[in-house]
Structures are given as structure tokens and as C-alpha cells.
Protein backbone atom coordinates (compact mmCIF):
# COMPACT_ATOMS: atom_id res chain seq x y z
CA MET A 1 -0.06 -0.12 -0.10
CA LEU A 2 2.56 2.47 1.04
CA ASN A 3 4.59 1.63 -2.24
CA HIS A 4 1.36 2.57 -4.41
CA PHE A 5 1.37 5.68 -2.32
CA GLN A 6 4.57 6.47 -2.99
CA ILE A 7 4.15 5.86 -6.74
CA TRP A 8 1.35 8.26 -6.85
CA ILE A 9 3.29 10.86 -5.13
CA GLN A 10 5.80 10.30 -7.81
CA LEU A 11 3.35 10.68 -10.49
CA PHE A 12 2.03 14.14 -9.03
CA GLN A 13 5.32 15.53 -8.34
CA ALA A 14 6.70 14.95 -11.83
CA LYS A 15 6.46 18.06 -14.22
CA LEU A 16 4.93 16.16 -17.21
CA SER A 17 1.98 14.79 -14.67
CA ARG A 18 1.42 18.28 -13.84
CA TYR A 19 1.25 19.62 -17.44
CA ILE A 20 -0.90 16.75 -18.34
CA VAL A 21 -3.36 17.45 -15.29
CA THR A 22 -3.69 20.94 -16.02
CA TRP A 23 -4.08 20.80 -19.55
CA VAL A 24 -6.89 17.91 -19.61
CA PHE A 25 -8.56 19.73 -16.39
CA SER A 26 -8.23 23.33 -18.27
CA SER A 27 -9.35 21.58 -21.42
CA ILE A 28 -12.67 20.02 -19.88
CA VAL A 29 -13.41 23.17 -18.00
CA VAL A 30 -13.26 25.34 -21.40
CA VAL A 31 -15.37 22.93 -23.15
CA GLU A 32 -17.88 22.82 -20.33
CA ILE A 33 -17.89 26.53 -20.30
CA ALA A 34 -18.77 26.96 -23.76
CA ILE A 35 -21.65 24.52 -23.50
CA LEU A 36 -22.80 26.41 -20.11
CA ILE A 37 -22.93 29.86 -21.57
CA PRO A 38 -25.79 28.64 -24.17
CA SER A 39 -27.31 26.33 -21.83
CA TYR A 40 -27.33 29.39 -19.38
CA PHE A 41 -29.15 31.74 -21.97
CA ARG A 42 -31.63 28.94 -22.94
CA ARG A 43 -32.56 28.36 -19.48
CA GLU A 44 -33.16 32.01 -18.82
CA ASP A 45 -35.39 32.05 -22.17
CA GLU A 46 -37.28 29.34 -20.49
CA LEU A 47 -38.03 31.15 -17.20
CA LEU A 48 -38.91 34.25 -18.95
CA SER A 49 -41.14 32.10 -21.22
CA LYS A 50 -43.00 30.61 -18.27
CA LEU A 51 -43.75 34.12 -17.37
CA GLU A 52 -45.22 35.01 -20.54
CA ASN A 53 -47.35 31.59 -20.49
CA VAL A 54 -49.08 32.95 -17.32
CA SER A 55 -49.90 36.00 -19.21
CA ASN A 56 -51.14 33.89 -21.87
CA GLU A 57 -53.36 31.92 -19.86
CA VAL A 58 -54.56 35.07 -17.49
CA PHE A 59 -55.67 37.06 -20.63
CA SER A 60 -56.73 34.35 -23.03
CA SER A 61 -60.38 35.09 -22.19
CA LEU A 62 -59.73 38.78 -22.83
CA VAL A 63 -58.65 37.63 -26.39
CA TYR A 64 -61.80 35.51 -26.67
CA LYS A 65 -64.18 38.19 -25.45
CA ILE A 66 -62.67 40.77 -27.90
CA GLU A 67 -63.26 38.48 -30.78
CA GLN A 68 -66.77 37.96 -29.50
CA GLY A 69 -67.32 41.69 -29.67
CA GLU A 70 -67.34 42.30 -25.93
CA ASP A 71 -65.88 45.99 -24.27
CA PRO A 72 -62.03 45.07 -24.21
CA GLY A 73 -61.51 47.99 -21.18
CA VAL A 74 -64.59 46.31 -19.04
CA MET A 75 -63.32 42.29 -19.58
CA LEU A 76 -59.58 43.88 -18.82
CA SER A 77 -60.87 45.22 -15.40
CA MET A 78 -62.96 42.04 -14.97
CA ILE A 79 -59.67 40.09 -15.38
CA THR A 80 -57.18 42.08 -13.28
CA LYS A 81 -59.42 42.42 -10.42
CA LYS A 82 -59.03 38.38 -10.07
CA LEU A 83 -55.42 38.28 -9.91
CA LYS A 84 -53.93 37.27 -6.81
CA PRO A 85 -51.12 39.30 -4.85
CA GLU A 86 -48.68 36.87 -5.29
CA SER A 87 -49.00 36.90 -9.12
CA VAL A 88 -46.43 37.38 -11.19
CA ILE A 89 -48.44 39.93 -13.04
CA LEU A 90 -47.72 43.22 -11.91
CA GLY A 91 -49.55 45.64 -14.11
CA GLY A 92 -50.23 46.26 -17.83
CA VAL A 93 -52.04 48.85 -20.47
CA LEU A 94 -54.34 47.85 -23.59
CA TYR A 95 -54.21 50.19 -26.51
CA GLN A 96 -55.96 50.46 -29.66
CA ALA A 97 -53.97 49.95 -32.52
CA ASN A 98 -54.12 53.46 -33.31
CA GLY A 99 -52.30 54.37 -29.99
CA LYS A 100 -55.28 55.33 -28.07
CA LEU A 101 -55.38 54.02 -24.43
CA VAL A 102 -58.20 51.75 -23.80
CA GLU A 103 -57.30 50.73 -20.07
CA LYS A 104 -54.42 50.28 -17.79
CA PHE A 105 -53.96 48.51 -14.38
CA GLY A 106 -51.43 48.39 -11.80
CA GLU A 107 -47.58 48.78 -12.17
CA GLN A 108 -46.97 50.50 -15.62
CA PRO A 109 -44.57 48.84 -18.13
CA ASP A 110 -41.51 50.47 -19.34
CA ILE A 111 -42.78 49.97 -22.85
CA SER A 112 -45.01 52.40 -24.70
CA TYR A 113 -47.08 52.56 -27.64
CA THR A 114 -44.23 54.68 -29.47
CA ASN A 115 -41.60 51.51 -28.74
CA LEU A 116 -43.72 49.26 -30.45
CA GLY A 117 -42.48 47.95 -33.98
CA LYS A 118 -43.87 45.65 -36.48
CA ALA A 119 -43.21 42.64 -34.63
CA ASP A 120 -46.07 40.35 -33.23
CA ILE A 121 -44.32 40.20 -30.02
CA PHE A 122 -42.18 42.86 -28.05
CA ARG A 123 -40.11 42.11 -25.06
CA PHE A 124 -38.42 44.41 -22.82
CA ARG A 125 -36.43 43.70 -19.58
CA SER A 126 -35.70 46.32 -16.93
CA GLN A 127 -31.83 47.05 -16.10
CA ASP A 128 -32.17 45.47 -12.93
CA ARG A 129 -33.36 42.40 -14.32
CA ASN A 130 -36.59 42.47 -11.87
CA ARG A 131 -39.32 43.57 -14.47
CA TYR A 132 -40.12 41.68 -17.73
CA ASP A 133 -42.47 43.65 -20.22
CA VAL A 134 -44.41 41.89 -23.06
CA ALA A 135 -46.33 43.47 -25.64
CA TRP A 136 -48.66 41.51 -28.32
CA PHE A 137 -51.31 42.29 -30.67
CA ILE A 138 -54.67 40.63 -29.79
CA PRO A 139 -56.45 39.31 -31.88
CA LYS A 140 -53.36 38.45 -33.87
CA GLN A 141 -54.84 38.33 -37.10
CA GLN A 142 -56.90 41.91 -36.84
CA ARG A 143 -54.33 43.42 -34.57
CA THR A 144 -57.27 45.61 -33.48
CA TYR A 145 -55.59 46.05 -29.69
CA ILE A 146 -52.17 46.04 -28.21
CA LEU A 147 -51.74 44.59 -24.82
CA ILE A 148 -48.65 45.35 -22.72
CA VAL A 149 -47.88 43.22 -19.47
CA ARG A 150 -45.48 43.84 -16.67
CA HIS A 151 -44.28 40.75 -15.22
CA ASP A 152 -42.34 40.11 -11.98
CA SER A 153 -39.06 38.46 -12.93
CA SER A 154 -37.17 38.95 -9.64
CA SER A 155 -36.92 35.33 -9.20
CA VAL A 156 -35.13 34.77 -12.50
CA PRO A 157 -31.79 35.81 -11.39
CA GLY A 158 -32.00 33.65 -8.28
CA GLU A 159 -33.05 30.63 -10.29
CA LEU A 160 -30.07 31.24 -12.98
CA TYR A 161 -27.49 31.62 -10.27
CA ALA A 162 -28.87 28.18 -8.78
CA PHE A 163 -28.91 26.47 -12.09
CA SER A 164 -25.16 27.83 -12.95
CA VAL A 165 -24.12 26.51 -9.54
CA ARG A 166 -25.69 23.38 -10.30
CA ILE A 167 -24.03 23.53 -13.59
CA ALA A 168 -20.65 24.43 -12.43
CA GLY A 169 -20.36 22.03 -9.81
CA LEU A 170 -21.38 19.07 -12.55
CA VAL A 171 -18.49 20.65 -14.59
CA LEU A 172 -16.12 20.32 -11.84
CA VAL A 173 -16.92 16.54 -10.85
CA ILE A 174 -16.61 15.57 -14.69
CA SER A 175 -13.40 17.57 -14.78
CA VAL A 176 -11.83 16.08 -11.99
CA PHE A 177 -12.80 12.51 -12.57
CA VAL A 178 -12.08 12.76 -16.41
CA THR A 179 -8.44 14.15 -15.09
CA LEU A 180 -7.87 11.40 -12.46
CA THR A 181 -8.86 8.88 -14.82
CA THR A 182 -6.50 10.12 -17.55
CA MET A 183 -4.06 10.82 -14.99
CA LEU A 184 -4.46 7.02 -13.79
CA THR A 185 -4.11 5.63 -17.19
CA LEU A 186 -1.31 7.90 -18.52
CA GLY A 187 0.63 7.43 -15.50
CA ILE A 188 0.66 3.60 -15.42
CA THR A 189 1.25 3.46 -19.19
CA VAL A 190 3.25 6.65 -20.05
CA ILE A 191 4.34 8.87 -17.28
CA ARG A 192 5.88 6.06 -14.73
CA PRO A 193 7.71 4.31 -17.56
CA ILE A 194 9.29 7.87 -18.40
CA LEU A 195 10.31 8.39 -14.78
CA LEU A 196 11.86 5.20 -14.41
CA LEU A 197 13.44 5.72 -17.59
CA ARG A 198 14.68 9.24 -16.46
CA ASP A 199 16.41 7.72 -13.43
CA ASP A 200 18.03 4.82 -15.56
CA LEU A 201 19.45 7.72 -17.88
CA VAL A 202 20.68 9.57 -14.80
CA ALA A 203 22.15 6.17 -13.32
CA ALA A 204 23.80 5.47 -16.39
CA GLY A 205 25.27 8.97 -16.95
CA GLU A 206 26.95 8.43 -13.31
CA ALA A 207 27.96 5.13 -14.11
CA ILE A 208 29.96 6.13 -17.16
CA SER A 209 31.20 9.41 -16.04
CA GLU A 210 32.81 7.80 -12.70
CA ASP A 211 33.63 4.46 -14.68
CA ARG A 212 31.66 2.58 -12.24
CA ASP A 213 29.87 -0.84 -12.91
CA ASP A 214 26.46 -1.18 -14.66
CA PRO A 215 23.82 -0.05 -12.17
CA PRO A 216 20.62 -2.18 -12.01
CA PHE A 217 18.03 -0.58 -14.48
CA SER A 218 14.48 -0.53 -13.51
CA THR A 219 12.96 0.00 -17.12
CA LEU A 220 14.78 -3.50 -18.38
CA SER A 221 12.33 -5.59 -16.42
CA ILE A 222 9.30 -4.02 -18.30
CA LYS A 223 8.23 -5.82 -21.04
CA ARG A 224 5.98 -3.87 -23.62
CA GLU A 225 5.10 -4.35 -27.24
CA ASP A 226 4.53 -0.76 -28.03
CA GLU A 227 6.36 2.21 -28.77
CA MET A 228 7.43 2.84 -25.06
CA GLY A 229 8.82 -0.82 -25.26
CA GLU A 230 10.65 0.12 -28.15
CA VAL A 231 12.11 3.65 -26.45
CA ILE A 232 13.20 1.26 -23.64
CA GLU A 233 14.95 -1.24 -25.82
CA ALA A 234 16.61 1.52 -27.63
CA PHE A 235 17.77 2.91 -24.32
CA LYS A 236 19.55 -0.34 -23.69
CA GLN A 237 21.23 -0.75 -26.92
CA MET A 238 22.26 2.81 -26.80
CA PHE A 239 24.02 2.39 -23.21
CA GLN A 240 25.78 -0.87 -24.15
CA ARG A 241 27.17 0.72 -27.36
CA VAL A 242 28.09 3.83 -25.57
CA ARG A 243 29.67 1.71 -22.94
CA LYS A 244 31.55 -0.22 -25.35
CA GLU A 245 32.84 2.68 -27.19
CA ILE A 246 34.00 4.59 -24.10
CA SER A 247 35.66 1.29 -23.32
CA ASP A 248 37.34 1.24 -26.51
CA ARG A 249 38.38 4.88 -26.32
CA GLN A 250 39.60 4.51 -23.07
CA LYS A 251 41.65 1.42 -24.24
CA ILE A 252 43.02 3.53 -27.09
CA GLU A 253 43.80 6.59 -25.08
CA ALA A 254 45.73 4.53 -22.59
CA CYS A 255 47.88 3.06 -25.32
CA LEU A 256 48.13 6.77 -26.65
CA ARG A 257 49.65 7.91 -23.23
CA ASP A 258 51.75 5.12 -22.79
CA GLU A 259 53.08 5.84 -26.34
CA GLN A 260 53.14 9.85 -25.45
CA GLU A 261 55.20 9.35 -22.28
CA LYS A 262 57.78 7.23 -23.96
CA SER A 263 58.16 9.61 -26.66
CA GLU A 264 58.37 12.10 -24.12
CA ARG A 265 61.28 10.28 -21.94
CA LEU A 266 62.89 9.70 -25.26
CA LEU A 267 62.73 13.17 -26.18
CA LEU A 268 63.69 14.16 -22.58
CA ASN A 269 66.88 11.88 -23.12
CA ILE A 270 67.82 13.84 -26.27
CA LEU A 271 66.99 17.32 -25.22
CA PRO A 272 66.52 19.43 -22.05
CA ALA A 273 63.04 19.60 -20.92
CA GLU A 274 62.99 23.45 -21.66
CA ILE A 275 64.25 23.09 -25.32
CA ALA A 276 62.00 19.91 -25.91
CA GLN A 277 58.88 21.93 -24.72
CA GLN A 278 59.73 25.02 -27.11
CA LEU A 279 60.44 22.33 -29.95
CA LYS A 280 57.02 20.93 -29.60
CA GLN A 281 55.56 24.67 -29.60
CA GLU A 282 57.53 25.96 -32.54
CA GLN A 283 58.41 24.93 -36.18
CA SER A 284 61.28 27.47 -36.54
CA PRO A 285 64.95 26.62 -35.44
CA ILE A 286 65.85 27.10 -32.02
CA ALA A 287 69.13 29.17 -30.98
CA ASN A 288 70.03 31.29 -27.80
CA ARG A 289 73.27 32.70 -26.59
CA PHE A 290 74.11 32.72 -22.94
CA ASP A 291 77.08 34.97 -21.78
CA GLU A 292 78.36 32.85 -19.05
CA VAL A 293 78.35 29.08 -19.08
CA THR A 294 81.19 26.43 -17.92
CA ILE A 295 81.51 23.52 -20.43
CA LEU A 296 83.64 20.26 -19.37
CA PHE A 297 84.94 17.50 -21.90
CA ALA A 298 85.98 14.20 -20.43
CA ASP A 299 87.94 11.54 -22.33
CA LEU A 300 88.97 7.87 -21.48
CA VAL A 301 92.73 7.56 -21.82
CA ASN A 302 94.23 4.96 -23.94
CA PHE A 303 90.28 3.61 -24.51
CA THR A 304 91.01 2.72 -28.24
CA SER A 305 93.96 0.44 -27.21
CA LEU A 306 91.79 -1.04 -24.85
CA ALA A 307 88.81 -1.61 -27.03
CA ALA A 308 91.08 -3.82 -29.14
CA GLN A 309 91.76 -6.11 -26.20
CA ILE A 310 88.03 -6.87 -25.20
CA SER A 311 84.88 -8.15 -26.49
CA PRO A 312 82.27 -5.56 -28.08
CA ILE A 313 79.74 -6.40 -25.80
CA GLU A 314 82.19 -5.99 -22.99
CA LEU A 315 83.32 -2.59 -24.45
CA VAL A 316 79.79 -1.46 -24.74
CA ASN A 317 78.78 -2.66 -21.22
CA SER A 318 81.98 -0.86 -19.84
CA LEU A 319 80.85 2.45 -21.67
CA ASN A 320 77.59 2.28 -20.55
CA GLN A 321 78.42 1.74 -16.96
CA ILE A 322 80.89 4.45 -16.86
CA PHE A 323 78.71 7.12 -19.04
CA SER A 324 75.55 6.30 -16.89
CA SER A 325 77.46 7.18 -13.54
CA PHE A 326 78.38 10.41 -15.14
CA ASP A 327 74.75 10.99 -16.22
CA ARG A 328 73.70 10.40 -12.53
CA LEU A 329 76.29 13.10 -11.55
CA ALA A 330 74.92 15.56 -14.02
CA GLU A 331 71.47 14.95 -12.94
CA PHE A 332 72.43 15.56 -9.24
CA TYR A 333 74.40 18.85 -9.79
CA GLY A 334 71.84 19.92 -12.38
CA LEU A 335 73.84 20.19 -15.38
CA GLU A 336 72.90 19.64 -18.92
CA LYS A 337 74.57 16.80 -20.44
CA ILE A 338 75.38 17.59 -24.13
CA LYS A 339 76.62 14.46 -25.84
CA THR A 340 79.15 11.30 -25.77
CA ILE A 341 81.43 11.23 -28.89
CA GLY A 342 83.03 7.87 -28.82
CA ASP A 343 84.81 7.52 -25.37
CA ALA A 344 84.55 11.50 -24.75
CA TYR A 345 82.01 13.01 -22.47
CA MET A 346 80.50 16.47 -22.54
CA VAL A 347 78.63 18.51 -19.98
CA VAL A 348 77.86 21.91 -19.42
CA GLY A 349 76.40 23.94 -16.34
CA GLY A 350 74.25 27.38 -16.89
CA LEU A 351 71.99 26.53 -19.72
CA PRO A 352 69.43 25.97 -20.55
CA THR A 353 68.51 28.06 -17.37
CA PRO A 354 71.16 30.36 -16.22
CA ARG A 355 72.59 29.91 -12.91
CA SER A 356 75.17 31.83 -10.79
CA ASP A 357 77.07 28.68 -9.64
CA HIS A 358 77.53 26.75 -13.21
CA ALA A 359 81.17 26.52 -12.47
CA ILE A 360 81.47 25.55 -9.02
CA ALA A 361 78.95 22.72 -9.90
CA VAL A 362 80.66 21.58 -12.95
CA ALA A 363 84.33 21.49 -10.89
CA GLN A 364 82.47 19.56 -8.39
CA MET A 365 81.05 17.03 -10.84
CA ALA A 366 84.83 16.99 -12.16
CA LEU A 367 85.94 16.14 -9.06
CA ASP A 368 83.45 13.00 -8.63
CA MET A 369 84.15 11.66 -11.91
CA GLN A 370 87.73 11.34 -11.05
CA LYS A 371 86.68 9.25 -7.94
CA ASN A 372 84.12 7.42 -9.74
CA ILE A 373 86.40 6.15 -12.63
CA SER A 374 88.66 4.65 -10.33
CA GLN A 375 85.81 2.23 -9.62
CA PHE A 376 85.73 0.70 -12.88
CA LYS A 377 87.85 -1.86 -14.41
CA THR A 378 87.92 -4.26 -17.26
CA ALA A 379 87.61 -7.94 -17.01
CA THR A 380 91.48 -8.37 -17.09
CA GLY A 381 91.81 -6.07 -14.30
CA GLN A 382 92.95 -3.00 -15.88
CA SER A 383 91.73 0.67 -14.42
CA PHE A 384 90.22 3.38 -16.80
CA GLN A 385 91.90 6.78 -16.43
CA LEU A 386 90.21 10.39 -17.31
CA ARG A 387 91.56 13.61 -18.87
CA ILE A 388 89.20 16.30 -17.93
CA GLY A 389 88.99 19.83 -19.31
CA ILE A 390 86.91 23.06 -18.25
CA ASN A 391 86.55 26.37 -19.52
CA THR A 392 84.01 29.18 -18.76
CA GLY A 393 82.53 31.35 -21.58
CA SER A 394 79.99 32.67 -23.91
CA VAL A 395 78.30 29.97 -26.32
CA VAL A 396 75.55 29.76 -28.64
CA ALA A 397 73.27 26.53 -27.92
CA GLY A 398 70.57 25.43 -30.26
CA VAL A 399 68.99 22.49 -32.25
CA ILE A 400 69.79 21.89 -35.84
CA GLY A 401 68.67 19.36 -38.32
CA LEU A 402 65.55 17.59 -39.16
CA LYS A 403 66.36 14.01 -38.18
CA LYS A 404 68.34 12.60 -35.40
CA PHE A 405 68.31 16.27 -34.20
CA SER A 406 70.45 17.07 -30.95
CA TYR A 407 70.85 20.26 -28.43
CA ASP A 408 74.54 21.15 -29.02
CA LEU A 409 76.89 24.22 -28.41
CA TRP A 410 79.28 26.56 -30.55
CA GLY A 411 81.65 29.16 -29.84
CA ASP A 412 85.11 29.81 -28.63
CA ALA A 413 84.64 28.90 -25.27
CA VAL A 414 83.67 25.39 -26.40
CA ASN A 415 86.98 24.99 -28.39
CA LEU A 416 88.89 26.13 -25.29
CA ALA A 417 87.18 23.72 -23.00
CA SER A 418 87.97 20.96 -25.72
CA ARG A 419 91.72 22.01 -25.70
CA MET A 420 91.71 21.96 -21.98
CA GLU A 421 90.89 18.30 -22.25
CA SER A 422 93.30 17.53 -25.34
CA HIS A 423 96.32 19.43 -23.78
CA GLY A 424 95.84 18.01 -20.28
CA ILE A 425 97.67 15.28 -18.08
CA VAL A 426 95.98 11.92 -17.41
CA GLY A 427 94.29 11.87 -14.30
CA LYS A 428 93.94 15.48 -13.86
CA ILE A 429 91.47 18.19 -14.28
CA GLN A 430 92.74 21.12 -16.07
CA VAL A 431 90.79 24.51 -15.93
CA SER A 432 91.32 27.79 -18.09
CA GLU A 433 91.88 31.05 -16.47
CA THR A 434 88.36 31.96 -16.82
CA THR A 435 87.12 29.12 -14.97
CA TYR A 436 89.95 29.73 -12.23
CA LEU A 437 88.37 32.74 -11.20
CA HIS A 438 85.30 31.72 -10.50
CA ILE A 439 86.01 28.67 -8.59
CA LYS A 440 89.29 29.75 -6.89
CA ASN A 441 87.88 30.69 -3.74
CA ASP A 442 85.74 27.48 -3.30
CA TYR A 443 88.52 24.97 -4.40
CA GLU A 444 92.42 24.33 -3.98
CA LEU A 445 94.11 25.07 -7.48
CA GLU A 446 97.45 24.48 -8.54
CA LYS A 447 98.89 26.47 -11.26
CA ARG A 448 100.23 24.35 -14.28
CA GLY A 449 101.66 27.46 -16.07
CA GLU A 450 101.69 28.78 -19.80
CA ILE A 451 100.85 25.92 -22.43
CA GLN A 452 100.70 26.21 -26.19
CA VAL A 453 97.19 25.91 -27.56
CA LYS A 454 96.51 25.41 -30.98
CA GLY A 455 94.63 28.17 -32.44
CA ARG A 456 94.65 30.26 -29.19
CA GLY A 457 98.73 30.55 -28.74
CA THR A 458 100.03 30.83 -25.18
CA VAL A 459 97.29 30.27 -22.29
CA THR A 460 97.44 29.99 -18.19
CA THR A 461 95.95 27.03 -17.01
CA TYR A 462 95.29 25.26 -13.63
CA PHE A 463 94.97 21.55 -12.27
CA LEU A 464 91.52 21.61 -9.90
CA ILE A 465 93.06 19.68 -6.96
CA ARG A 466 90.23 19.46 -4.22
CA ASN A 467 87.48 21.40 -2.43
CA LEU A 468 88.59 24.28 0.28
């Protein structure tokens, strides 16, 4: 019982139900009002006709006597004297056809001889609706006299009001009955399934948007062989199709994300993060000038002769282990690895994001690289040795090429850093005078003196020893 009551509450709370109820009820009321209006006037005519019938009965003898040649005035006086006090006939006037007054009695009508036209009967009702005057010729064939009778019509408004109330009550009862019947029929066959379908659509949308399991749909238990059944079946098929397409799309998106992450990792292994982002957004060549950076070159000493003594796999594994340790140092100190060339390693500090301690960070990495290299040996027990060169200056950095592009540096500072390595001493870290000026307060350095550098002539260099 409670469940049915709740269903009814839901039906009447639904906007669609209220629209239907309002439309049906209003339509019935409008139709009934359209029927009531002519009924009202027809009832009014019936009530006034009853008053006329009373006059016809009362004065029928007058018509007969006039036709028999009796005196009209005398006969009218005799008839009116017999009227009862409660009679609806209140007064009247008798005229000859030429307008001469013959006799009058009681309350005088508002109709006068001058108001009459050619009609056989003339009717007039007072403004307050309480008096009703009727004039007609007697006898009708000869039209010798005109009789005007005043009636008491004060009871007519009351009877019309009672009639209107009865009709209005009937209209209300019919409207309510038809509306409730329509509501019950549509509620069971249309509105209730629509409400359930609405709830199922909301549940389906939440399940899809929140990636939940399929909810229990109420409409799927409804078996119908009409249009509503077709709508429910279409909803079921649509949900299954959307669910499958979303599932397929999620799988594709997951694959795309994995591939994109792989591509991002590969790109970041080749380029600095800022340059990679800039490259994805711009099609034009990327080039920037940096006024002050520190470049490091490191080279494995006698690696070529060593490579001839070990297998290719051992060679590649050894290089991978050594350079991977250097990569970790570069990442730890926030430096940018530029490239490896055979058994040479290049790293720079101060780009693509400028920093004031670039020379100190590179110097510290160089010291750690010398420590790390002593940990690596070949299968025959041979040790690896490094020759490192460092220089500070201005460079141009950018990306060139269309395929297998890389981030590289150009400038005299790069050339001098390379010369610091190639003209260095095995196991030593040789720095230029420019780099010396940047790090002399933080590190112990040993002056090597002046050396001849190809393309530069005589330059003063220093060896980086340790931290202060």
C-alpha cells in the first residue's frame, strides 16, 4: 500500500504529470464553459417564457371576449381584479391599434405605444432584471388592440444562479473525474515508465562518467510491445553501445598515453626539458646565446687500445656503466649533458636555465668523475683513467637538423674547453684561467703555467685539486 502511495506521489510531483493534469482539466473546463453559456441563456429564455405563458393563460379569455365583440376595457378590469397578490403579473396597458389608451392597471410597463414596431410580440427587460414587459397584438389576425403586460422577473436571477451553480458543480466533478482517470491511465502506461527511464538515464550517466559498474536498470524489467517498449529497448542498446565505445576509447587513450610518455622520455633523453617543450610548440630553428656557462670535456685515456683487447659486448657494457654514472652526477648537480663522442663525454652548467654557480657545480662534478672512474675495471683488471678539461665563457646553444637532431653548443669557449681536455694530463682536471677566477675561493687549484694551445697561442691553465 505504501509503495503504491509513493508511486502516486512521484506521479503528481513529476512536471510532465502536472502539465497533463493542467491541460486536461483546463480543456474540460473550457469545453464545459462553452456548453454552459448557451445553456444559461436557454434557461433564462425558458424562465421568461414561463412568465409569458402565465400572461397567455390569464388573458386568453380577454382575447376570446374581444373576438366576440365584448368591451375590452370592461373585460380587462374584470380579469385583473381576479389576480392574486402573489401573481407574477404586476400591471399592464391596453391600447387600440391607433395608439389610443383603452385601459391600464397596476404597475406601468416601461414599454409604451411608441416603442412598438412591426413585430407580433415585443419584449423588454428592465436594467435591474427584476421586471419583464411583453407586448403583443390581440387578436393576432386583426391586430385591433395592443396589450402590454408587466411581469415580476425578480426570481429569474436566483434561479439562474442556482442553475449555474449546479452546472458548475457538475463541470467540476466531471473535470476532476476525467482528469484523475486520464492521470491514472497515462501514469501507468506512459508517465511511470518515463520516470523510471529518466532515473535509469541519470544512473547510466553517473556510471559512465565515474567509470562504475553497470547499475541495476528498472526499465529493463518492463516488457512491452508498444512504442514505449521500443524506447526502452533503444535505451538499452544505446547504453551498451556507449559503454563499449567508451571502453574502446579508454584503451586507445591508455595506449596513446603510454606511447606519448615513451616519446616524452625519449625526447627528454635527447634534449633539455625546456628545449623539448619549445621544440614542440615552434617550427622555427631554436637558438639562444648564453653569456656565461662552464663547459666540461672528459676523455677515457687509451680507450682505443683497450677496446682492441676486449669483446664488443664488454666494451659497450663498460662504456654504458661509466657514462651512466656520469649521467647520474650531471642530474644530481643540475647540469646538462650535451653528448658523448666515442669515449668522450661533454657536459655544461648554466644552460638552458642560467645559474650563478655553474662553474662550481661543474668543478664538483669533475672531482666526483675522477673518484668514480677508479671504481671501474676491465675483465682483465685494467683500470680506466680520465683526462678532464674545463672552460667558462659565452656560447650559442640550439637545435639543428630535421632528423636525429640534438642540442649542441658553439663558440670559442667550447673550443677552448676541448683544448683544456686534449692538452691536459691523465688523471688531472685542467681548467682555464676564466674558470679559475670563478672557483678559486671554493677549491684548491695548482697553477700549471703557460701552455701552447692550437689556435689560441699561449694560455695559462690550472689543475683542480680538491675542495677547500
